[in-house]
Every structure is written in C-alpha cells, then in structure tokens.
Amino acid sequence: MNDVTTPQPMPTASTAPAKRPSTPRVAPIVGAVGTVELPTPTRSGGVESAYPFASLEVGQSFGVKNKDKAAISSSISAQNRKHKKELTDDAGNVTTAQTKHFVAVEIDAALAKTLKGTHLEGFKVAVKRDI
C-alpha cells in the first residue's frame, strides 16, 4: 500500500513586514514651451561584434574554440535579425527578406575528422554564412 502524506501549509510570520517611511511626492517644476536650436546627440550604434560576421562572404565560415553553440546563439540571432529587411510592394503588402544569414554547427568527433587540415580544425563550433 502506498504511504501518501498530505502536504502541510508553510508557517507564516506573525508580524507584518516593516513599512518603508513614505516620501512625499514632489511635483516637477516645468518651464515654458519654446523653440531653441539644441545639438542632436549622436548615437554610438552599439558595440562591434567580437565575431567576424561582417567579413564573411556566402559560404565562408569561422571557428570558435572556447564557446559552445548555445553560448554564441544570441550573437548569431542578433546578426540574423540585423540583416532581416521589411519590404513593401506597390500594393502595400509587407514581406521580410533575409539579406545575410548565419548558422552555427557544433563540431563533434565525427565532424572533427572531416575538418582535419582545414581552417576549422581544433574548434568546438563552426559559424557559416549561408545567405
């Protein structure tokens, strides 16, 4: 016969948690609305990738030694999103087109044998541009 026990409720604290002292809200002091020429801040455009995605032509690849496929998947996804363009035809229909696409392949023992003597020898992951 199975010995089944009923879960017991968790004990609760007998006192309410201490409240933080409230700070009175202060309304912002806003000036008049007007037009003045102000410099436009420049955007940095983000950080350059640690991987050589920009230099890859279709069919080329590079290897990564110290990371696995899961560790670089977010970088590959970001590059694939970056190179996805929305196109609108004359009728107003919106479609997407991938201008560049990258894939990562985990290099196991069998694949490592076929890559012996290539630029990917000794790497854990290969990243290839396929579009």
C-alpha atoms as a PDB file:
ATOM      1  CA  MET A   1       0.000   0.000   0.000  1.00  0.00           C
ATOM      2  CA  ASN A   2       1.273   3.487  -0.843  1.00  0.00           C
ATOM      3  CA  ASP A   3       2.119   5.744   2.049  1.00  0.00           C
ATOM      4  CA  VAL A   4       0.750   9.163   0.992  1.00  0.00           C
ATOM      5  CA  THR A   5       1.135  12.191   3.190  1.00  0.00           C
ATOM      6  CA  THR A   6      -0.788  15.400   2.926  1.00  0.00           C
ATOM      7  CA  PRO A   7       1.395  18.470   2.419  1.00  0.00           C
ATOM      8  CA  GLN A   8       1.394  20.774   5.397  1.00  0.00           C
ATOM      9  CA  PRO A   9       0.947  24.534   4.950  1.00  0.00           C
ATOM     10  CA  MET A  10       4.039  26.685   5.269  1.00  0.00           C
ATOM     11  CA  PRO A  11       4.297  28.618   8.545  1.00  0.00           C
ATOM     12  CA  THR A  12       3.663  32.340   8.163  1.00  0.00           C
ATOM     13  CA  ALA A  13       5.216  35.246  10.012  1.00  0.00           C
ATOM     14  CA  SER A  14       3.116  36.544  12.849  1.00  0.00           C
ATOM     15  CA  THR A  15       4.010  40.174  12.193  1.00  0.00           C
ATOM     16  CA  ALA A  16       3.598  42.237   9.068  1.00  0.00           C
ATOM     17  CA  PRO A  17       6.764  43.288   7.234  1.00  0.00           C
ATOM     18  CA  ALA A  18       8.152  46.656   8.219  1.00  0.00           C
ATOM     19  CA  LYS A  19       6.993  49.516   6.008  1.00  0.00           C
ATOM     20  CA  ARG A  20       9.425  51.949   4.487  1.00  0.00           C
ATOM     21  CA  PRO A  21       8.832  55.523   5.509  1.00  0.00           C
ATOM     22  CA  SER A  22       6.881  57.254   2.782  1.00  0.00           C
ATOM     23  CA  THR A  23       8.433  60.119   0.885  1.00  0.00           C
ATOM     24  CA  PRO A  24       6.098  62.910  -0.106  1.00  0.00           C
ATOM     25  CA  ARG A  25       5.672  63.315  -3.861  1.00  0.00           C
ATOM     26  CA  VAL A  26       7.096  66.480  -5.288  1.00  0.00           C
ATOM     27  CA  ALA A  27       5.598  67.891  -8.463  1.00  0.00           C
ATOM     28  CA  PRO A  28       8.121  68.726 -11.221  1.00  0.00           C
ATOM     29  CA  ILE A  29       8.864  72.348 -11.935  1.00  0.00           C
ATOM     30  CA  VAL A  30       8.339  72.809 -15.667  1.00  0.00           C
ATOM     31  CA  GLY A  31       9.379  75.822 -17.712  1.00  0.00           C
ATOM     32  CA  ALA A  32       7.664  77.443 -20.682  1.00  0.00           C
ATOM     33  CA  VAL A  33       7.449  75.699 -24.053  1.00  0.00           C
ATOM     34  CA  GLY A  34       9.535  77.248 -26.831  1.00  0.00           C
ATOM     35  CA  THR A  35      11.801  76.540 -29.787  1.00  0.00           C
ATOM     36  CA  VAL A  36      15.569  76.638 -29.391  1.00  0.00           C
ATOM     37  CA  GLU A  37      18.285  75.085 -31.532  1.00  0.00           C
ATOM     38  CA  LEU A  38      19.855  72.286 -29.466  1.00  0.00           C
ATOM     39  CA  PRO A  39      22.579  69.890 -30.590  1.00  0.00           C
ATOM     40  CA  THR A  40      21.327  66.440 -31.550  1.00  0.00           C
ATOM     41  CA  PRO A  41      23.080  63.707 -29.587  1.00  0.00           C
ATOM     42  CA  THR A  42      24.873  61.174 -31.757  1.00  0.00           C
ATOM     43  CA  ARG A  43      24.173  57.513 -31.281  1.00  0.00           C
ATOM     44  CA  SER A  44      27.038  55.131 -30.830  1.00  0.00           C
ATOM     45  CA  GLY A  45      25.258  52.401 -32.801  1.00  0.00           C
ATOM     46  CA  GLY A  46      26.093  49.639 -30.377  1.00  0.00           C
ATOM     47  CA  VAL A  47      29.175  47.563 -29.761  1.00  0.00           C
ATOM     48  CA  GLU A  48      31.033  45.879 -32.595  1.00  0.00           C
ATOM     49  CA  SER A  49      30.727  42.105 -32.531  1.00  0.00           C
ATOM     50  CA  ALA A  50      33.605  40.018 -31.202  1.00  0.00           C
ATOM     51  CA  TYR A  51      32.989  37.647 -34.135  1.00  0.00           C
ATOM     52  CA  PRO A  52      33.916  38.417 -37.771  1.00  0.00           C
ATOM     53  CA  PHE A  53      30.363  38.315 -39.188  1.00  0.00           C
ATOM     54  CA  ALA A  54      30.881  41.423 -41.341  1.00  0.00           C
ATOM     55  CA  SER A  55      33.832  39.938 -43.238  1.00  0.00           C
ATOM     56  CA  LEU A  56      32.112  36.656 -44.197  1.00  0.00           C
ATOM     57  CA  GLU A  57      31.036  36.090 -47.784  1.00  0.00           C
ATOM     58  CA  VAL A  58      28.393  33.474 -48.658  1.00  0.00           C
ATOM     59  CA  GLY A  59      29.825  30.003 -47.991  1.00  0.00           C
ATOM     60  CA  GLN A  60      32.650  31.196 -45.730  1.00  0.00           C
ATOM     61  CA  SER A  61      32.964  30.196 -42.083  1.00  0.00           C
ATOM     62  CA  PHE A  62      34.964  30.795 -38.934  1.00  0.00           C
ATOM     63  CA  GLY A  63      35.596  28.676 -35.853  1.00  0.00           C
ATOM     64  CA  VAL A  64      35.150  29.365 -32.147  1.00  0.00           C
ATOM     65  CA  LYS A  65      37.294  27.394 -29.667  1.00  0.00           C
ATOM     66  CA  ASN A  66      36.216  28.490 -26.205  1.00  0.00           C
ATOM     67  CA  LYS A  67      32.409  28.585 -26.534  1.00  0.00           C
ATOM     68  CA  ASP A  68      29.726  26.090 -27.410  1.00  0.00           C
ATOM     69  CA  LYS A  69      26.817  26.578 -29.818  1.00  0.00           C
ATOM     70  CA  ALA A  70      24.434  27.688 -27.056  1.00  0.00           C
ATOM     71  CA  ALA A  71      26.889  30.341 -25.827  1.00  0.00           C
ATOM     72  CA  ILE A  72      27.080  32.093 -29.210  1.00  0.00           C
ATOM     73  CA  SER A  73      23.459  31.569 -30.274  1.00  0.00           C
ATOM     74  CA  SER A  74      22.371  35.028 -29.087  1.00  0.00           C
ATOM     75  CA  SER A  75      25.115  36.691 -31.165  1.00  0.00           C
ATOM     76  CA  ILE A  76      24.054  34.720 -34.230  1.00  0.00           C
ATOM     77  CA  SER A  77      20.377  35.532 -33.640  1.00  0.00           C
ATOM     78  CA  ALA A  78      21.215  39.236 -33.306  1.00  0.00           C
ATOM     79  CA  GLN A  79      23.127  39.178 -36.599  1.00  0.00           C
ATOM     80  CA  ASN A  80      20.269  37.370 -38.339  1.00  0.00           C
ATOM     81  CA  ARG A  81      17.764  39.950 -37.009  1.00  0.00           C
ATOM     82  CA  LYS A  82      20.080  42.772 -38.086  1.00  0.00           C
ATOM     83  CA  HIS A  83      20.070  41.504 -41.665  1.00  0.00           C
ATOM     84  CA  LYS A  84      16.315  40.968 -41.970  1.00  0.00           C
ATOM     85  CA  LYS A  85      14.647  43.714 -44.006  1.00  0.00           C
ATOM     86  CA  GLU A  86      10.969  44.562 -44.379  1.00  0.00           C
ATOM     87  CA  LEU A  87       9.901  45.130 -47.982  1.00  0.00           C
ATOM     88  CA  THR A  88       6.678  46.762 -49.124  1.00  0.00           C
ATOM     89  CA  ASP A  89       5.362  46.175 -52.635  1.00  0.00           C
ATOM     90  CA  ASP A  90       3.269  48.625 -54.694  1.00  0.00           C
ATOM     91  CA  ALA A  91       0.050  47.151 -53.254  1.00  0.00           C
ATOM     92  CA  GLY A  92       1.217  47.864 -49.700  1.00  0.00           C
ATOM     93  CA  ASN A  93       1.911  44.220 -48.796  1.00  0.00           C
ATOM     94  CA  VAL A  94       4.757  43.844 -46.315  1.00  0.00           C
ATOM     95  CA  THR A  95       7.148  40.914 -46.566  1.00  0.00           C
ATOM     96  CA  THR A  96      10.521  40.196 -44.993  1.00  0.00           C
ATOM     97  CA  ALA A  97      13.738  39.282 -46.757  1.00  0.00           C
ATOM     98  CA  GLN A  98      16.905  37.945 -45.197  1.00  0.00           C
ATOM     99  CA  THR A  99      19.944  39.691 -46.728  1.00  0.00           C
ATOM    100  CA  LYS A 100      22.515  37.713 -44.700  1.00  0.00           C
ATOM    101  CA  HIS A 101      22.025  34.569 -42.625  1.00  0.00           C
ATOM    102  CA  PHE A 102      24.389  32.762 -40.273  1.00  0.00           C
ATOM    103  CA  VAL A 103      24.227  29.269 -38.743  1.00  0.00           C
ATOM    104  CA  ALA A 104      26.306  27.581 -36.049  1.00  0.00           C
ATOM    105  CA  VAL A 105      27.307  23.925 -36.087  1.00  0.00           C
ATOM    106  CA  GLU A 106      28.638  22.084 -33.037  1.00  0.00           C
ATOM    107  CA  ILE A 107      31.775  20.195 -34.086  1.00  0.00           C
ATOM    108  CA  ASP A 108      31.567  16.663 -32.711  1.00  0.00           C
ATOM    109  CA  ALA A 109      34.215  13.942 -33.086  1.00  0.00           C
ATOM    110  CA  ALA A 110      32.873  12.693 -36.431  1.00  0.00           C
ATOM    111  CA  LEU A 111      32.764  16.183 -37.962  1.00  0.00           C
ATOM    112  CA  ALA A 112      36.185  16.992 -36.488  1.00  0.00           C
ATOM    113  CA  LYS A 113      37.673  14.108 -38.525  1.00  0.00           C
ATOM    114  CA  THR A 114      36.307  15.567 -41.769  1.00  0.00           C
ATOM    115  CA  LEU A 115      37.592  19.050 -40.855  1.00  0.00           C
ATOM    116  CA  LYS A 116      41.145  17.865 -40.155  1.00  0.00           C
ATOM    117  CA  GLY A 117      43.595  20.023 -42.110  1.00  0.00           C
ATOM    118  CA  THR A 118      41.100  22.865 -42.679  1.00  0.00           C
ATOM    119  CA  HIS A 119      40.842  26.277 -41.051  1.00  0.00           C
ATOM    120  CA  LEU A 120      38.221  24.790 -38.673  1.00  0.00           C
ATOM    121  CA  GLU A 121      40.488  22.092 -37.209  1.00  0.00           C
ATOM    122  CA  GLY A 122      40.538  22.184 -33.405  1.00  0.00           C
ATOM    123  CA  PHE A 123      37.422  24.354 -32.948  1.00  0.00           C
ATOM    124  CA  LYS A 124      34.277  23.492 -30.928  1.00  0.00           C
ATOM    125  CA  VAL A 125      31.829  25.435 -33.123  1.00  0.00           C
ATOM    126  CA  ALA A 126      31.790  26.487 -36.761  1.00  0.00           C
ATOM    127  CA  VAL A 127      29.782  29.533 -37.866  1.00  0.00           C
ATOM    128  CA  LYS A 128      28.847  29.728 -41.539  1.00  0.00           C
ATOM    129  CA  ARG A 129      27.176  32.395 -43.672  1.00  0.00           C
ATOM    130  CA  ASP A 130      24.632  30.645 -45.908  1.00  0.00           C
ATOM    131  CA  ILE A 131      22.876  33.667 -47.497  1.00  0.00           C
END
